[in-house]
Amino acid sequence: MKGLISLQKLPKLTLVEIENYLKKRFEESGGLLNLSDLPHPSTFKDMDKACKRIVAAINNREKIIIVGDYDVDGVISTTILSDFFESIKADVKWFIPNRFEHGYGLSTKILSYIQEFDLIITVDNGITATDVASWCLENNKTLIITDHHTPPKNLPNAFAIINPKQDDCTFIYPDICGAMVAWYLIAGLKEYLKLKINLKSYLALVAIATIADVMPLLHINRAIVIAGLKELNNSQKPFVAALKNHLRSSKFKSDDISFWIAPILNSAGRMSDASQAVYFLKSIDMSDAYEKLAYLADTNEKRKIIEEEISNQAKNQILNPDGSILIIRGDDWHEGVLGIVATRMVRFFKKPAIVLSKSKEGLLKGSGRSIKGFDLFASIDPHRDIIEKFGGHPMAIGISLKEDKLQEFIDKLPNYYEICTDDSDKALGEIELELINDKLFALLDNFEPYGEANPHLVFASSNINIKSAISMGKNSEHRRYQIYQNGKTIEAIHFNPINPLEINEYDKVSYIIRKSIFKNVEILQLLIK
C-alpha cells in the first residue's frame, strides 16, 4: 500500500475520549465561562481615574482625540470608542497613523495632528510612547493610554494607563486584545455617565478583533467571542450585510473571521491607509458599504500578489539558516506585508522568523512571528540597547534597527530549539470515517469557537482510498478529494498543498472536521492538514 503521508502509531479514539480531551483544555483557564463571569471595569488599574477625567472633558467641552493603530485590532478599537462617543453626542475626533508616513502608533511624527486637542486617548497602542507622553506634560495635554501590548520597564508618564499586562493591574485576564480594553473603557464610562445603553452590540466588533489579533480563545475571550459572533450574525449594520453578500455566507464562525474578514480589514492598513477600514465599519447604508468593501477587497487582492512575490524571495534570503530564530533580510520589500510573510516563513520552516527590509530612512524595519510555546517578545526584549524601536507580544513583534547592528543582533539571539516545538498540526488520534457524523460534529461544535489556544482537533484515518482528486480555486491552487474507507465516502479539501494527494491508497491522512454550506445544504467535510 502506497502512502505519501506517514504518521506515528496513534491511539484509536472514542466519542467519550474526544469530549474529555476538549474539557481538559478549559480546566486551567477557569472552565467554560459566560458573560456573567466578566470582571468589573474597575479591576483595571487606572480605569476609574481615566473615566473621571474623560467625563470631566466631555462636560467641559474639551477637545478629545482617539489615536488608533493600523491593524484590525486598532481599527476596531478606534471604531468602538468613536461610535460610543457619537452615540452620546460627544464631539470626539479619531486618527489612525499611516504605516508608511507616520509609522506605528503614538509617535512624534503625528504631533501636528494632535497638538490642538486637550485630551488624547490611545487604543491598541501607546505603551511605549515615552516621547509623546513627555510632550503632553510639557504642553498641558492629558494622555490616557489604553493598550494590551507588553509594557516596557519604564512606562510613559501618562495621566492614566489601562493595560492588563501591567504588573500592578488587578484585572485577572492579561491576554486580551486592544478592542476588549476599549470595550471595557466604554463599560466604565457607561457607569460614570449613568447611561442606559446596551453595550452587547459592540461585542460583534470585539469578537472580530479577538480572533484577528490571535488572542487565546479561552476564559473570557471565549465568552466574548461566542456572544460577539451571535451579535454579528444578528446585526443589521450595513458592513455586516455587505460582508455576508461578498462572502456568500449567512452565518459567520471564528474561521470565517480568521481566513476572510480579518485579511480584508487588514488590507487597508497594510497597503494604503487603515482609515478606509474604519469608514467601512461605519458605513451609513448598503450603497456606502458595498463601495467601501469593493475598495478593501481589491486592496486585499493586490496584497496577496505582493505577499506571494516577497515570500518566494524570502525563502532564499535567510541570513542564519541554522539559527533558532530565522532572520530574513530584503531590500525594498513592501513594509505592509512583512508580518504575513513572517507567518508564512514560520509555517514553512517550523521556526520563529523575523523579516526585515531596508526603509527609506535607512533603518531595517520588519515584523516577527513565533511558534506556539515560544515567547518571541521575551527573547528580543533584553537586547533593546541595540534596537531602535521594538514592541509586541509573545507571538508577534515589530522591530527597527540599524544595519550595522544586524550581525550583533543575530549573534545575541537565543538558542532554544531543543526544548520548544510546535505540535499544533499533530493528530490527536485515529478514528474511522464512519464515526464522522452529525453526533461527532455536534460534540466538536460545543467547544467552538476554535482558534488560538483552542485549535481544531486534528484526527487521522488509516487505510483510506482517494477515489477522486480535482483541482479547484482561481488558479487551481487547491484540491478537492473524495475519500473512501470501509463503505464510507466523504469529501475533503486540501488548501495550497505542498504534496497534493493523487487517486491512490494511503496509509494515513490527517485532517480537521468542518461543516460546509453549499446552496443552503450543510455537508460534513474534511480539511486535509
Protein backbone atom coordinates (compact mmCIF):
# COMPACT_ATOMS: atom_id res chain seq x y z
CA MET A 1 0.00 0.00 0.00
CA LYS A 2 1.42 3.38 -1.05
CA GLY A 3 1.38 6.42 1.22
CA LEU A 4 2.89 9.87 0.86
CA ILE A 5 1.83 10.83 4.40
CA SER A 6 3.43 8.86 7.20
CA LEU A 7 2.28 9.39 10.79
CA GLN A 8 3.33 7.69 14.02
CA LYS A 9 1.12 5.00 15.52
CA LEU A 10 -1.84 6.75 17.09
CA PRO A 11 -4.48 5.63 19.60
CA LYS A 12 -7.99 4.81 18.42
CA LEU A 13 -10.41 7.39 19.77
CA THR A 14 -13.99 7.17 21.03
CA LEU A 15 -16.52 9.99 21.36
CA VAL A 16 -16.10 9.98 25.16
CA GLU A 17 -12.30 10.32 24.88
CA ILE A 18 -12.64 13.19 22.42
CA GLU A 19 -15.07 15.04 24.72
CA ASN A 20 -12.88 14.52 27.79
CA TYR A 21 -9.84 15.84 25.95
CA LEU A 22 -11.65 19.04 24.98
CA LYS A 23 -12.99 19.56 28.51
CA LYS A 24 -9.45 19.40 29.94
CA ARG A 25 -8.38 22.30 27.74
CA PHE A 26 -10.51 24.71 29.71
CA GLU A 27 -9.84 23.48 33.23
CA GLU A 28 -6.66 25.56 33.72
CA SER A 29 -8.28 28.72 32.34
CA GLY A 30 -11.22 28.65 34.75
CA GLY A 31 -13.64 26.48 32.79
CA LEU A 32 -16.27 27.42 30.23
CA LEU A 33 -17.15 30.98 31.26
CA ASN A 34 -20.13 33.19 30.38
CA LEU A 35 -20.61 36.94 30.08
CA SER A 36 -21.76 36.95 33.70
CA ASP A 37 -18.21 35.96 34.64
CA LEU A 38 -16.64 39.12 33.19
CA PRO A 39 -14.62 41.10 35.78
CA HIS A 40 -15.75 44.62 36.64
CA PRO A 41 -14.11 47.50 34.70
CA SER A 42 -12.73 48.94 37.95
CA THR A 43 -10.41 45.95 38.30
CA PHE A 44 -8.24 47.58 35.62
CA LYS A 45 -5.51 49.78 37.01
CA ASP A 46 -6.31 53.46 36.28
CA MET A 47 -9.78 52.70 34.86
CA ASP A 48 -11.64 54.85 37.40
CA LYS A 49 -9.07 57.61 37.07
CA ALA A 50 -9.41 57.60 33.27
CA CYS A 51 -13.20 57.54 33.32
CA LYS A 52 -13.43 60.51 35.69
CA ARG A 53 -11.06 62.53 33.51
CA ILE A 54 -12.94 61.69 30.29
CA VAL A 55 -16.29 62.58 31.85
CA ALA A 56 -14.84 65.91 33.00
CA ALA A 57 -13.50 66.56 29.49
CA ILE A 58 -16.93 65.85 27.97
CA ASN A 59 -18.70 68.13 30.47
CA ASN A 60 -16.15 70.91 29.96
CA ARG A 61 -16.31 70.57 26.16
CA GLU A 62 -12.60 69.92 25.88
CA LYS A 63 -11.19 68.78 22.56
CA ILE A 64 -10.72 64.99 22.57
CA ILE A 65 -8.99 62.77 20.01
CA ILE A 66 -8.64 58.97 19.75
CA VAL A 67 -5.37 57.68 18.30
CA GLY A 68 -5.60 54.14 16.94
CA ASP A 69 -3.45 51.57 15.17
CA TYR A 70 -3.50 50.33 11.59
CA ASP A 71 -4.19 46.61 12.16
CA VAL A 72 -7.63 45.02 12.65
CA ASP A 73 -7.45 45.35 16.43
CA GLY A 74 -6.55 49.03 16.22
CA VAL A 75 -9.15 49.75 13.55
CA ILE A 76 -11.88 48.08 15.59
CA SER A 77 -10.76 49.70 18.85
CA THR A 78 -11.00 53.08 17.12
CA THR A 79 -14.45 52.24 15.76
CA ILE A 80 -15.77 51.06 19.13
CA LEU A 81 -14.64 54.13 21.05
CA SER A 82 -15.64 56.65 18.37
CA ASP A 83 -19.06 55.00 17.87
CA PHE A 84 -19.66 55.18 21.62
CA PHE A 85 -18.84 58.89 21.79
CA GLU A 86 -21.02 59.55 18.74
CA SER A 87 -23.90 57.69 20.39
CA ILE A 88 -23.80 60.07 23.37
CA LYS A 89 -23.36 63.12 21.09
CA ALA A 90 -19.83 63.85 22.34
CA ASP A 91 -17.66 65.69 19.79
CA VAL A 92 -14.64 63.39 19.66
CA LYS A 93 -12.29 63.03 16.67
CA TRP A 94 -10.25 59.99 15.72
CA PHE A 95 -6.98 59.46 13.87
CA ILE A 96 -5.03 56.40 12.74
CA PRO A 97 -1.37 56.98 11.80
CA ASN A 98 -0.39 55.88 8.32
CA ARG A 99 2.07 52.97 8.43
CA PHE A 100 4.23 54.42 5.64
CA GLU A 101 4.09 58.11 6.52
CA HIS A 102 3.98 58.11 10.33
CA GLY A 103 4.97 54.63 11.45
CA TYR A 104 3.36 52.81 14.36
CA GLY A 105 1.12 54.34 16.98
CA LEU A 106 1.56 57.44 19.10
CA SER A 107 4.85 58.92 17.86
CA THR A 108 6.35 62.38 17.46
CA LYS A 109 5.58 62.14 13.72
CA ILE A 110 1.88 62.77 14.42
CA LEU A 111 2.22 65.75 16.77
CA SER A 112 0.78 68.08 14.14
CA TYR A 113 -2.43 66.01 14.15
CA ILE A 114 -2.91 66.02 17.93
CA GLN A 115 -1.50 69.35 19.09
CA GLU A 116 -4.86 71.17 19.06
CA PHE A 117 -6.51 68.63 21.39
CA ASP A 118 -6.75 68.76 25.18
CA LEU A 119 -7.25 65.04 25.81
CA ILE A 120 -5.57 62.26 23.82
CA ILE A 121 -6.80 58.67 24.21
CA THR A 122 -4.87 55.85 22.58
CA VAL A 123 -6.37 52.50 21.65
CA ASP A 124 -4.27 49.39 20.94
CA ASN A 125 -1.04 51.42 21.19
CA GLY A 126 0.85 53.90 23.32
CA ILE A 127 2.52 51.68 25.91
CA THR A 128 5.99 52.63 24.58
CA ALA A 129 5.19 56.27 23.70
CA THR A 130 7.51 57.90 26.25
CA ASP A 131 8.48 60.82 23.97
CA VAL A 132 4.89 61.87 23.26
CA ALA A 133 3.95 61.41 26.92
CA SER A 134 6.69 63.88 27.86
CA TRP A 135 5.49 66.26 25.14
CA CYS A 136 1.94 66.06 26.56
CA LEU A 137 3.19 67.06 30.00
CA GLU A 138 5.22 69.96 28.62
CA ASN A 139 2.25 71.22 26.58
CA ASN A 140 -0.51 70.78 29.18
CA LYS A 141 -2.17 67.89 27.37
CA THR A 142 -3.77 64.91 29.11
CA LEU A 143 -2.73 61.50 27.79
CA ILE A 144 -4.73 58.35 28.55
CA ILE A 145 -3.21 55.15 27.16
CA THR A 146 -5.30 52.03 26.56
CA ASP A 147 -3.24 49.15 25.24
CA HIS A 148 -2.64 45.42 25.63
CA HIS A 149 0.93 45.06 24.38
CA THR A 150 3.73 44.07 26.74
CA PRO A 151 4.82 47.14 28.77
CA PRO A 152 8.48 48.20 28.82
CA LYS A 153 10.32 48.54 32.13
CA ASN A 154 9.95 52.33 32.03
CA LEU A 155 6.34 53.27 31.33
CA PRO A 156 5.32 56.53 29.61
CA ASN A 157 4.49 59.31 32.07
CA ALA A 158 0.81 59.41 31.09
CA PHE A 159 -2.15 60.60 33.17
CA ALA A 160 -3.60 57.05 33.11
CA ILE A 161 -2.55 53.72 31.59
CA ILE A 162 -5.15 50.99 31.14
CA ASN A 163 -3.28 47.82 30.20
CA PRO A 164 -3.98 44.39 31.73
CA LYS A 165 -0.33 43.38 31.36
CA GLN A 166 0.87 45.91 33.94
CA ASP A 167 2.31 44.14 36.98
CA ASP A 168 0.08 46.05 39.41
CA CYS A 169 -3.14 45.65 37.40
CA THR A 170 -5.75 43.51 39.20
CA PHE A 171 -7.68 42.56 36.05
CA ILE A 172 -7.12 38.80 36.08
CA TYR A 173 -7.02 38.08 32.33
CA PRO A 174 -3.92 39.71 30.78
CA ASP A 175 -4.25 38.08 27.36
CA ILE A 176 -7.00 40.16 25.80
CA CYS A 177 -6.94 42.34 22.68
CA GLY A 178 -6.88 46.13 22.49
CA ALA A 179 -10.52 46.22 21.38
CA MET A 180 -11.60 44.47 24.57
CA VAL A 181 -9.68 47.05 26.60
CA ALA A 182 -11.52 49.76 24.64
CA TRP A 183 -14.84 47.99 25.27
CA TYR A 184 -14.10 47.89 28.99
CA LEU A 185 -13.38 51.63 28.86
CA ILE A 186 -16.82 52.37 27.41
CA ALA A 187 -18.32 50.00 30.01
CA GLY A 188 -16.64 52.08 32.72
CA LEU A 189 -17.80 55.33 31.10
CA LYS A 190 -21.35 53.98 30.92
CA GLU A 191 -21.38 53.66 34.72
CA TYR A 192 -19.81 57.06 35.37
CA LEU A 193 -22.18 58.78 32.93
CA LYS A 194 -25.16 56.79 34.30
CA LEU A 195 -26.19 55.76 30.78
CA LYS A 196 -28.92 53.26 29.95
CA ILE A 197 -27.44 51.77 26.80
CA ASN A 198 -26.77 48.17 25.78
CA LEU A 199 -23.10 47.53 25.16
CA LYS A 200 -23.62 43.97 23.86
CA SER A 201 -23.88 45.18 20.26
CA TYR A 202 -20.23 46.31 20.45
CA LEU A 203 -19.19 42.71 21.17
CA ALA A 204 -19.59 41.89 17.46
CA LEU A 205 -16.58 44.09 16.80
CA VAL A 206 -14.68 42.84 19.86
CA ALA A 207 -15.13 39.25 18.63
CA ILE A 208 -13.60 40.10 15.24
CA ALA A 209 -10.62 41.82 16.91
CA THR A 210 -10.07 39.00 19.42
CA ILE A 211 -9.87 36.41 16.66
CA ALA A 212 -7.92 38.60 14.23
CA ASP A 213 -5.33 39.52 16.87
CA VAL A 214 -4.84 35.82 17.68
CA MET A 215 -5.88 36.02 21.32
CA PRO A 216 -6.31 32.71 23.21
CA LEU A 217 -9.91 31.57 22.83
CA LEU A 218 -10.16 30.54 26.47
CA HIS A 219 -11.57 32.19 29.64
CA ILE A 220 -13.46 35.43 28.97
CA ASN A 221 -12.16 35.66 25.41
CA ARG A 222 -14.23 32.62 24.57
CA ALA A 223 -17.33 34.07 26.27
CA ILE A 224 -16.88 37.38 24.45
CA VAL A 225 -16.38 35.72 21.06
CA ILE A 226 -19.43 33.44 21.46
CA ALA A 227 -21.62 36.42 22.39
CA GLY A 228 -19.95 38.62 19.77
CA LEU A 229 -20.49 36.16 16.92
CA LYS A 230 -24.15 35.94 17.88
CA GLU A 231 -24.39 39.74 17.78
CA LEU A 232 -22.52 39.83 14.48
CA ASN A 233 -24.78 37.28 12.82
CA ASN A 234 -27.90 39.12 14.02
CA SER A 235 -26.57 42.58 13.22
CA GLN A 236 -28.40 44.80 10.73
CA LYS A 237 -25.41 47.08 10.21
CA PRO A 238 -24.58 47.76 6.54
CA PHE A 239 -20.99 46.48 6.84
CA VAL A 240 -22.22 43.10 8.13
CA ALA A 241 -24.74 42.69 5.30
CA ALA A 242 -22.09 43.67 2.76
CA LEU A 243 -19.66 41.07 4.14
CA LYS A 244 -22.31 38.34 4.09
CA ASN A 245 -23.11 39.13 0.48
CA HIS A 246 -19.43 39.32 -0.53
CA LEU A 247 -18.55 36.04 1.18
CA ARG A 248 -21.85 34.38 0.22
CA SER A 249 -22.43 33.43 3.83
CA SER A 250 -25.47 33.69 6.05
CA LYS A 251 -23.60 32.94 9.27
CA PHE A 252 -20.06 33.71 10.41
CA LYS A 253 -17.93 31.40 12.55
CA SER A 254 -14.48 32.01 14.00
CA ASP A 255 -12.74 30.53 10.94
CA ASP A 256 -14.57 32.99 8.69
CA ILE A 257 -13.09 35.85 10.71
CA SER A 258 -9.56 34.41 10.54
CA PHE A 259 -9.48 33.44 6.89
CA TRP A 260 -11.69 36.02 5.19
CA ILE A 261 -12.84 39.02 7.23
CA ALA A 262 -9.61 39.86 9.08
CA PRO A 263 -7.45 39.92 5.90
CA ILE A 264 -9.96 42.19 4.17
CA LEU A 265 -10.00 44.65 7.08
CA ASN A 266 -6.23 44.44 7.47
CA SER A 267 -5.54 45.14 3.81
CA ALA A 268 -6.16 48.90 4.11
CA GLY A 269 -3.53 49.41 6.80
CA ARG A 270 -1.08 47.08 5.08
CA MET A 271 -1.32 48.60 1.62
CA SER A 272 -2.54 52.19 2.00
CA ASP A 273 -4.47 53.81 4.88
CA ALA A 274 -6.27 51.97 7.70
CA SER A 275 -8.83 54.76 7.95
CA GLN A 276 -10.58 53.16 4.97
CA ALA A 277 -11.38 50.11 7.11
CA VAL A 278 -12.85 52.34 9.83
CA TYR A 279 -15.01 54.13 7.27
CA PHE A 280 -16.25 50.72 6.04
CA LEU A 281 -17.22 49.62 9.55
CA LYS A 282 -19.05 52.94 9.97
CA SER A 283 -20.91 52.66 6.62
CA ILE A 284 -24.20 54.54 6.76
CA ASP A 285 -26.13 52.46 4.19
CA MET A 286 -25.74 49.49 1.86
CA SER A 287 -24.54 51.51 -1.11
CA ASP A 288 -21.85 53.07 1.06
CA ALA A 289 -20.87 49.68 2.48
CA TYR A 290 -20.63 47.96 -0.92
CA GLU A 291 -18.49 50.76 -2.32
CA LYS A 292 -16.05 50.70 0.60
CA LEU A 293 -15.91 46.89 0.70
CA ALA A 294 -15.13 46.77 -3.02
CA TYR A 295 -12.11 49.00 -2.35
CA LEU A 296 -10.94 46.81 0.56
CA ALA A 297 -11.44 43.57 -1.39
CA ASP A 298 -9.46 44.93 -4.34
CA THR A 299 -6.72 46.12 -1.99
CA ASN A 300 -6.62 42.66 -0.41
CA GLU A 301 -6.16 41.00 -3.81
CA LYS A 302 -3.21 43.31 -4.52
CA ARG A 303 -1.81 42.43 -1.10
CA LYS A 304 -1.93 38.70 -1.93
CA ILE A 305 0.10 39.18 -5.11
CA ILE A 306 2.81 41.23 -3.41
CA GLU A 307 2.89 38.88 -0.41
CA GLU A 308 3.39 35.87 -2.72
CA GLU A 309 6.26 37.55 -4.57
CA ILE A 310 8.09 38.54 -1.38
CA SER A 311 7.51 35.15 0.26
CA ASN A 312 9.15 33.40 -2.68
CA GLN A 313 12.17 35.69 -2.39
CA ALA A 314 12.32 35.46 1.41
CA LYS A 315 12.85 31.68 1.41
CA ASN A 316 16.21 32.27 -0.27
CA GLN A 317 17.35 35.26 1.77
CA ILE A 318 17.77 33.78 5.26
CA LEU A 319 20.86 35.15 6.98
CA ASN A 320 21.09 32.39 9.60
CA PRO A 321 19.52 29.20 8.17
CA ASP A 322 20.76 27.13 11.13
CA GLY A 323 19.51 29.61 13.72
CA SER A 324 16.66 29.03 16.12
CA ILE A 325 15.04 32.34 15.13
CA LEU A 326 15.34 32.93 11.41
CA ILE A 327 16.42 36.41 10.28
CA ILE A 328 15.40 37.21 6.71
CA ARG A 329 16.52 40.45 5.05
CA GLY A 330 15.47 42.10 1.82
CA ASP A 331 15.54 45.47 0.09
CA ASP A 332 12.51 47.48 -0.98
CA TRP A 333 10.07 44.85 0.26
CA HIS A 334 6.58 46.22 0.88
CA GLU A 335 6.53 47.04 4.59
CA GLY A 336 2.82 46.30 4.92
CA VAL A 337 3.09 42.57 4.19
CA LEU A 338 6.22 41.70 6.19
CA GLY A 339 4.16 40.34 9.09
CA ILE A 340 2.26 37.97 6.80
CA VAL A 341 5.49 36.92 5.10
CA ALA A 342 6.94 36.16 8.54
CA THR A 343 3.90 33.99 9.28
CA ARG A 344 4.46 32.11 6.03
CA MET A 345 8.12 31.54 6.89
CA VAL A 346 7.14 30.19 10.33
CA ARG A 347 4.73 27.72 8.74
CA PHE A 348 7.23 26.65 6.09
CA PHE A 349 10.36 26.31 8.25
CA LYS A 350 8.65 25.49 11.58
CA LYS A 351 10.74 28.13 13.35
CA PRO A 352 10.13 31.70 14.58
CA ALA A 353 11.05 34.21 11.89
CA ILE A 354 11.80 37.93 11.66
CA VAL A 355 11.51 39.50 8.22
CA LEU A 356 13.35 42.81 7.67
CA SER A 357 13.52 45.28 4.82
CA LYS A 358 15.51 48.49 4.45
CA SER A 359 13.28 51.55 4.86
CA LYS A 360 13.55 54.98 3.27
CA GLU A 361 15.17 56.24 6.48
CA GLY A 362 17.92 53.64 6.11
CA LEU A 363 16.71 51.51 9.01
CA LEU A 364 15.92 47.82 8.81
CA LYS A 365 12.24 47.60 9.70
CA GLY A 366 10.14 44.49 9.95
CA SER A 367 7.95 42.04 11.79
CA GLY A 368 8.46 38.77 13.60
CA ARG A 369 6.15 35.85 14.25
CA SER A 370 6.62 32.95 16.65
CA ILE A 371 5.59 29.34 17.09
CA LYS A 372 3.38 28.06 19.87
CA GLY A 373 5.21 27.75 23.16
CA PHE A 374 7.97 30.27 22.46
CA ASP A 375 7.81 33.88 23.68
CA LEU A 376 9.44 35.83 20.85
CA PHE A 377 8.95 39.17 22.62
CA ALA A 378 10.79 37.96 25.74
CA SER A 379 13.68 36.64 23.64
CA ILE A 380 14.24 40.05 22.00
CA ASP A 381 13.40 42.34 24.93
CA PRO A 382 16.82 42.07 26.71
CA HIS A 383 18.54 43.50 23.64
CA ARG A 384 16.75 46.84 23.39
CA ASP A 385 20.13 48.59 23.64
CA ILE A 386 20.91 47.68 20.02
CA ILE A 387 17.34 48.19 18.73
CA GLU A 388 15.82 51.47 17.57
CA LYS A 389 12.14 50.56 18.05
CA PHE A 390 10.52 47.45 19.43
CA GLY A 391 7.09 46.29 20.61
CA GLY A 392 4.58 43.48 20.51
CA HIS A 393 3.65 40.37 22.44
CA PRO A 394 4.82 36.72 22.70
CA MET A 395 3.59 35.65 19.26
CA ALA A 396 4.22 38.81 17.20
CA ILE A 397 6.68 41.70 17.28
CA GLY A 398 7.54 44.83 15.33
CA ILE A 399 11.15 45.92 15.20
CA SER A 400 13.54 48.52 13.73
CA LEU A 401 17.34 48.50 13.94
CA LYS A 402 20.36 49.98 12.20
CA GLU A 403 22.04 47.84 9.59
CA ASP A 404 25.41 47.95 11.34
CA LYS A 405 23.75 46.36 14.38
CA LEU A 406 22.23 43.46 12.44
CA GLN A 407 25.02 40.91 12.93
CA GLU A 408 25.30 41.75 16.63
CA PHE A 409 21.54 41.28 16.90
CA ILE A 410 21.74 37.87 15.21
CA ASP A 411 24.62 36.79 17.47
CA LYS A 412 22.60 37.64 20.59
CA LEU A 413 19.54 35.61 19.62
CA PRO A 414 18.86 32.68 21.99
CA ASN A 415 19.29 29.04 21.08
CA TYR A 416 16.18 27.36 22.45
CA TYR A 417 15.10 24.87 19.87
CA GLU A 418 15.86 21.68 21.79
CA ILE A 419 13.01 22.37 24.22
CA CYS A 420 10.46 24.18 22.07
CA THR A 421 8.42 22.54 19.32
CA ASP A 422 5.15 23.33 17.60
CA ASP A 423 2.81 20.32 17.61
CA SER A 424 -0.35 22.19 16.62
CA ASP A 425 -0.72 20.02 13.49
CA LYS A 426 -0.22 16.75 15.34
CA ALA A 427 -3.14 14.33 15.17
CA LEU A 428 -4.81 13.55 18.48
CA GLY A 429 -5.61 10.01 17.41
CA GLU A 430 -7.25 7.80 14.83
CA ILE A 431 -10.93 7.49 14.01
CA GLU A 432 -12.84 5.55 11.39
CA LEU A 433 -14.58 7.59 8.71
CA GLU A 434 -17.88 6.05 9.82
CA LEU A 435 -17.53 7.92 13.13
CA ILE A 436 -17.70 11.24 11.27
CA ASN A 437 -21.36 12.14 11.55
CA ASP A 438 -23.64 14.81 12.97
CA LYS A 439 -23.21 13.45 16.50
CA LEU A 440 -19.42 13.90 16.42
CA PHE A 441 -19.73 17.32 14.81
CA ALA A 442 -22.24 18.44 17.47
CA LEU A 443 -19.74 17.39 20.15
CA LEU A 444 -16.96 19.38 18.47
CA ASP A 445 -19.29 22.32 17.92
CA ASN A 446 -19.95 22.57 21.69
CA PHE A 447 -16.36 23.74 22.17
CA GLU A 448 -16.42 26.46 19.49
CA PRO A 449 -15.02 28.95 18.82
CA TYR A 450 -11.75 27.36 17.72
CA GLY A 451 -8.56 29.31 17.22
CA GLU A 452 -5.54 30.31 19.29
CA ALA A 453 -5.10 28.08 22.40
CA ASN A 454 -8.22 26.16 21.37
CA PRO A 455 -7.24 24.74 17.98
CA HIS A 456 -9.42 22.43 15.95
CA LEU A 457 -8.77 18.81 16.81
CA VAL A 458 -6.70 17.02 14.18
CA PHE A 459 -7.71 13.42 13.51
CA ALA A 460 -6.16 10.69 11.38
CA SER A 461 -7.67 7.78 9.46
CA SER A 462 -5.80 4.72 8.18
CA ASN A 463 -6.10 2.60 5.08
CA ILE A 464 -8.10 5.12 3.10
CA ASN A 465 -8.58 5.38 -0.63
CA ILE A 466 -8.61 8.58 -2.70
CA LYS A 467 -11.41 7.92 -5.20
CA SER A 468 -11.12 11.28 -7.00
CA ALA A 469 -8.85 14.32 -6.94
CA ILE A 470 -9.90 17.56 -8.65
CA SER A 471 -8.12 20.93 -8.77
CA MET A 472 -10.09 23.98 -7.57
CA GLY A 473 -9.59 27.69 -6.85
CA LYS A 474 -8.96 30.71 -9.08
CA ASN A 475 -5.53 29.38 -10.10
CA SER A 476 -6.21 25.67 -9.42
CA GLU A 477 -4.11 26.01 -6.28
CA HIS A 478 -6.38 23.86 -4.08
CA ARG A 479 -7.64 20.25 -4.33
CA ARG A 480 -10.94 18.51 -3.66
CA TYR A 481 -10.97 14.77 -2.92
CA GLN A 482 -13.50 12.01 -2.42
CA ILE A 483 -12.06 9.82 0.35
CA TYR A 484 -13.28 6.25 0.90
CA GLN A 485 -12.89 3.78 3.77
CA ASN A 486 -14.90 0.65 4.55
CA GLY A 487 -18.03 1.67 2.68
CA LYS A 488 -17.97 5.35 3.76
CA THR A 489 -17.15 8.19 1.34
CA ILE A 490 -16.60 11.80 2.43
CA GLU A 491 -15.46 14.96 0.70
CA ALA A 492 -12.12 16.55 1.65
CA ILE A 493 -10.49 19.88 0.79
CA HIS A 494 -6.73 20.45 0.59
CA PHE A 495 -5.70 24.14 0.57
CA ASN A 496 -2.39 25.05 -1.11
CA PRO A 497 -0.96 21.52 -0.80
CA ILE A 498 2.82 21.18 -1.00
CA ASN A 499 2.35 17.49 -1.83
CA PRO A 500 -1.14 17.02 -3.33
CA LEU A 501 -2.75 13.63 -2.86
CA GLU A 502 -3.46 11.65 -6.02
CA ILE A 503 -6.01 8.92 -6.78
CA ASN A 504 -4.48 6.10 -4.78
CA GLU A 505 -4.43 4.27 -1.46
CA TYR A 506 -2.77 5.85 1.57
CA ASP A 507 -1.59 4.57 4.92
CA LYS A 508 -2.91 7.62 6.77
CA VAL A 509 -4.25 11.10 6.22
CA SER A 510 -4.74 13.75 8.91
CA TYR A 511 -7.49 16.36 8.88
CA ILE A 512 -9.91 18.51 10.80
CA ILE A 513 -13.68 18.14 10.51
CA ARG A 514 -15.85 21.03 9.44
CA LYS A 515 -19.29 21.70 8.03
CA SER A 516 -19.60 23.29 4.60
CA ILE A 517 -22.71 25.05 3.33
CA PHE A 518 -23.43 24.83 -0.39
CA LYS A 519 -26.72 26.08 -1.85
CA ASN A 520 -28.17 26.12 1.69
CA VAL A 521 -27.29 22.45 2.19
CA GLU A 522 -24.87 21.55 5.01
CA ILE A 523 -22.40 18.72 4.49
CA LEU A 524 -19.63 17.35 6.69
CA GLN A 525 -16.25 17.83 5.10
CA LEU A 526 -12.61 17.10 5.94
CA LEU A 527 -9.89 19.73 5.75
CA ILE A 528 -6.64 17.90 4.99
CA LYS A 529 -3.66 19.04 7.09
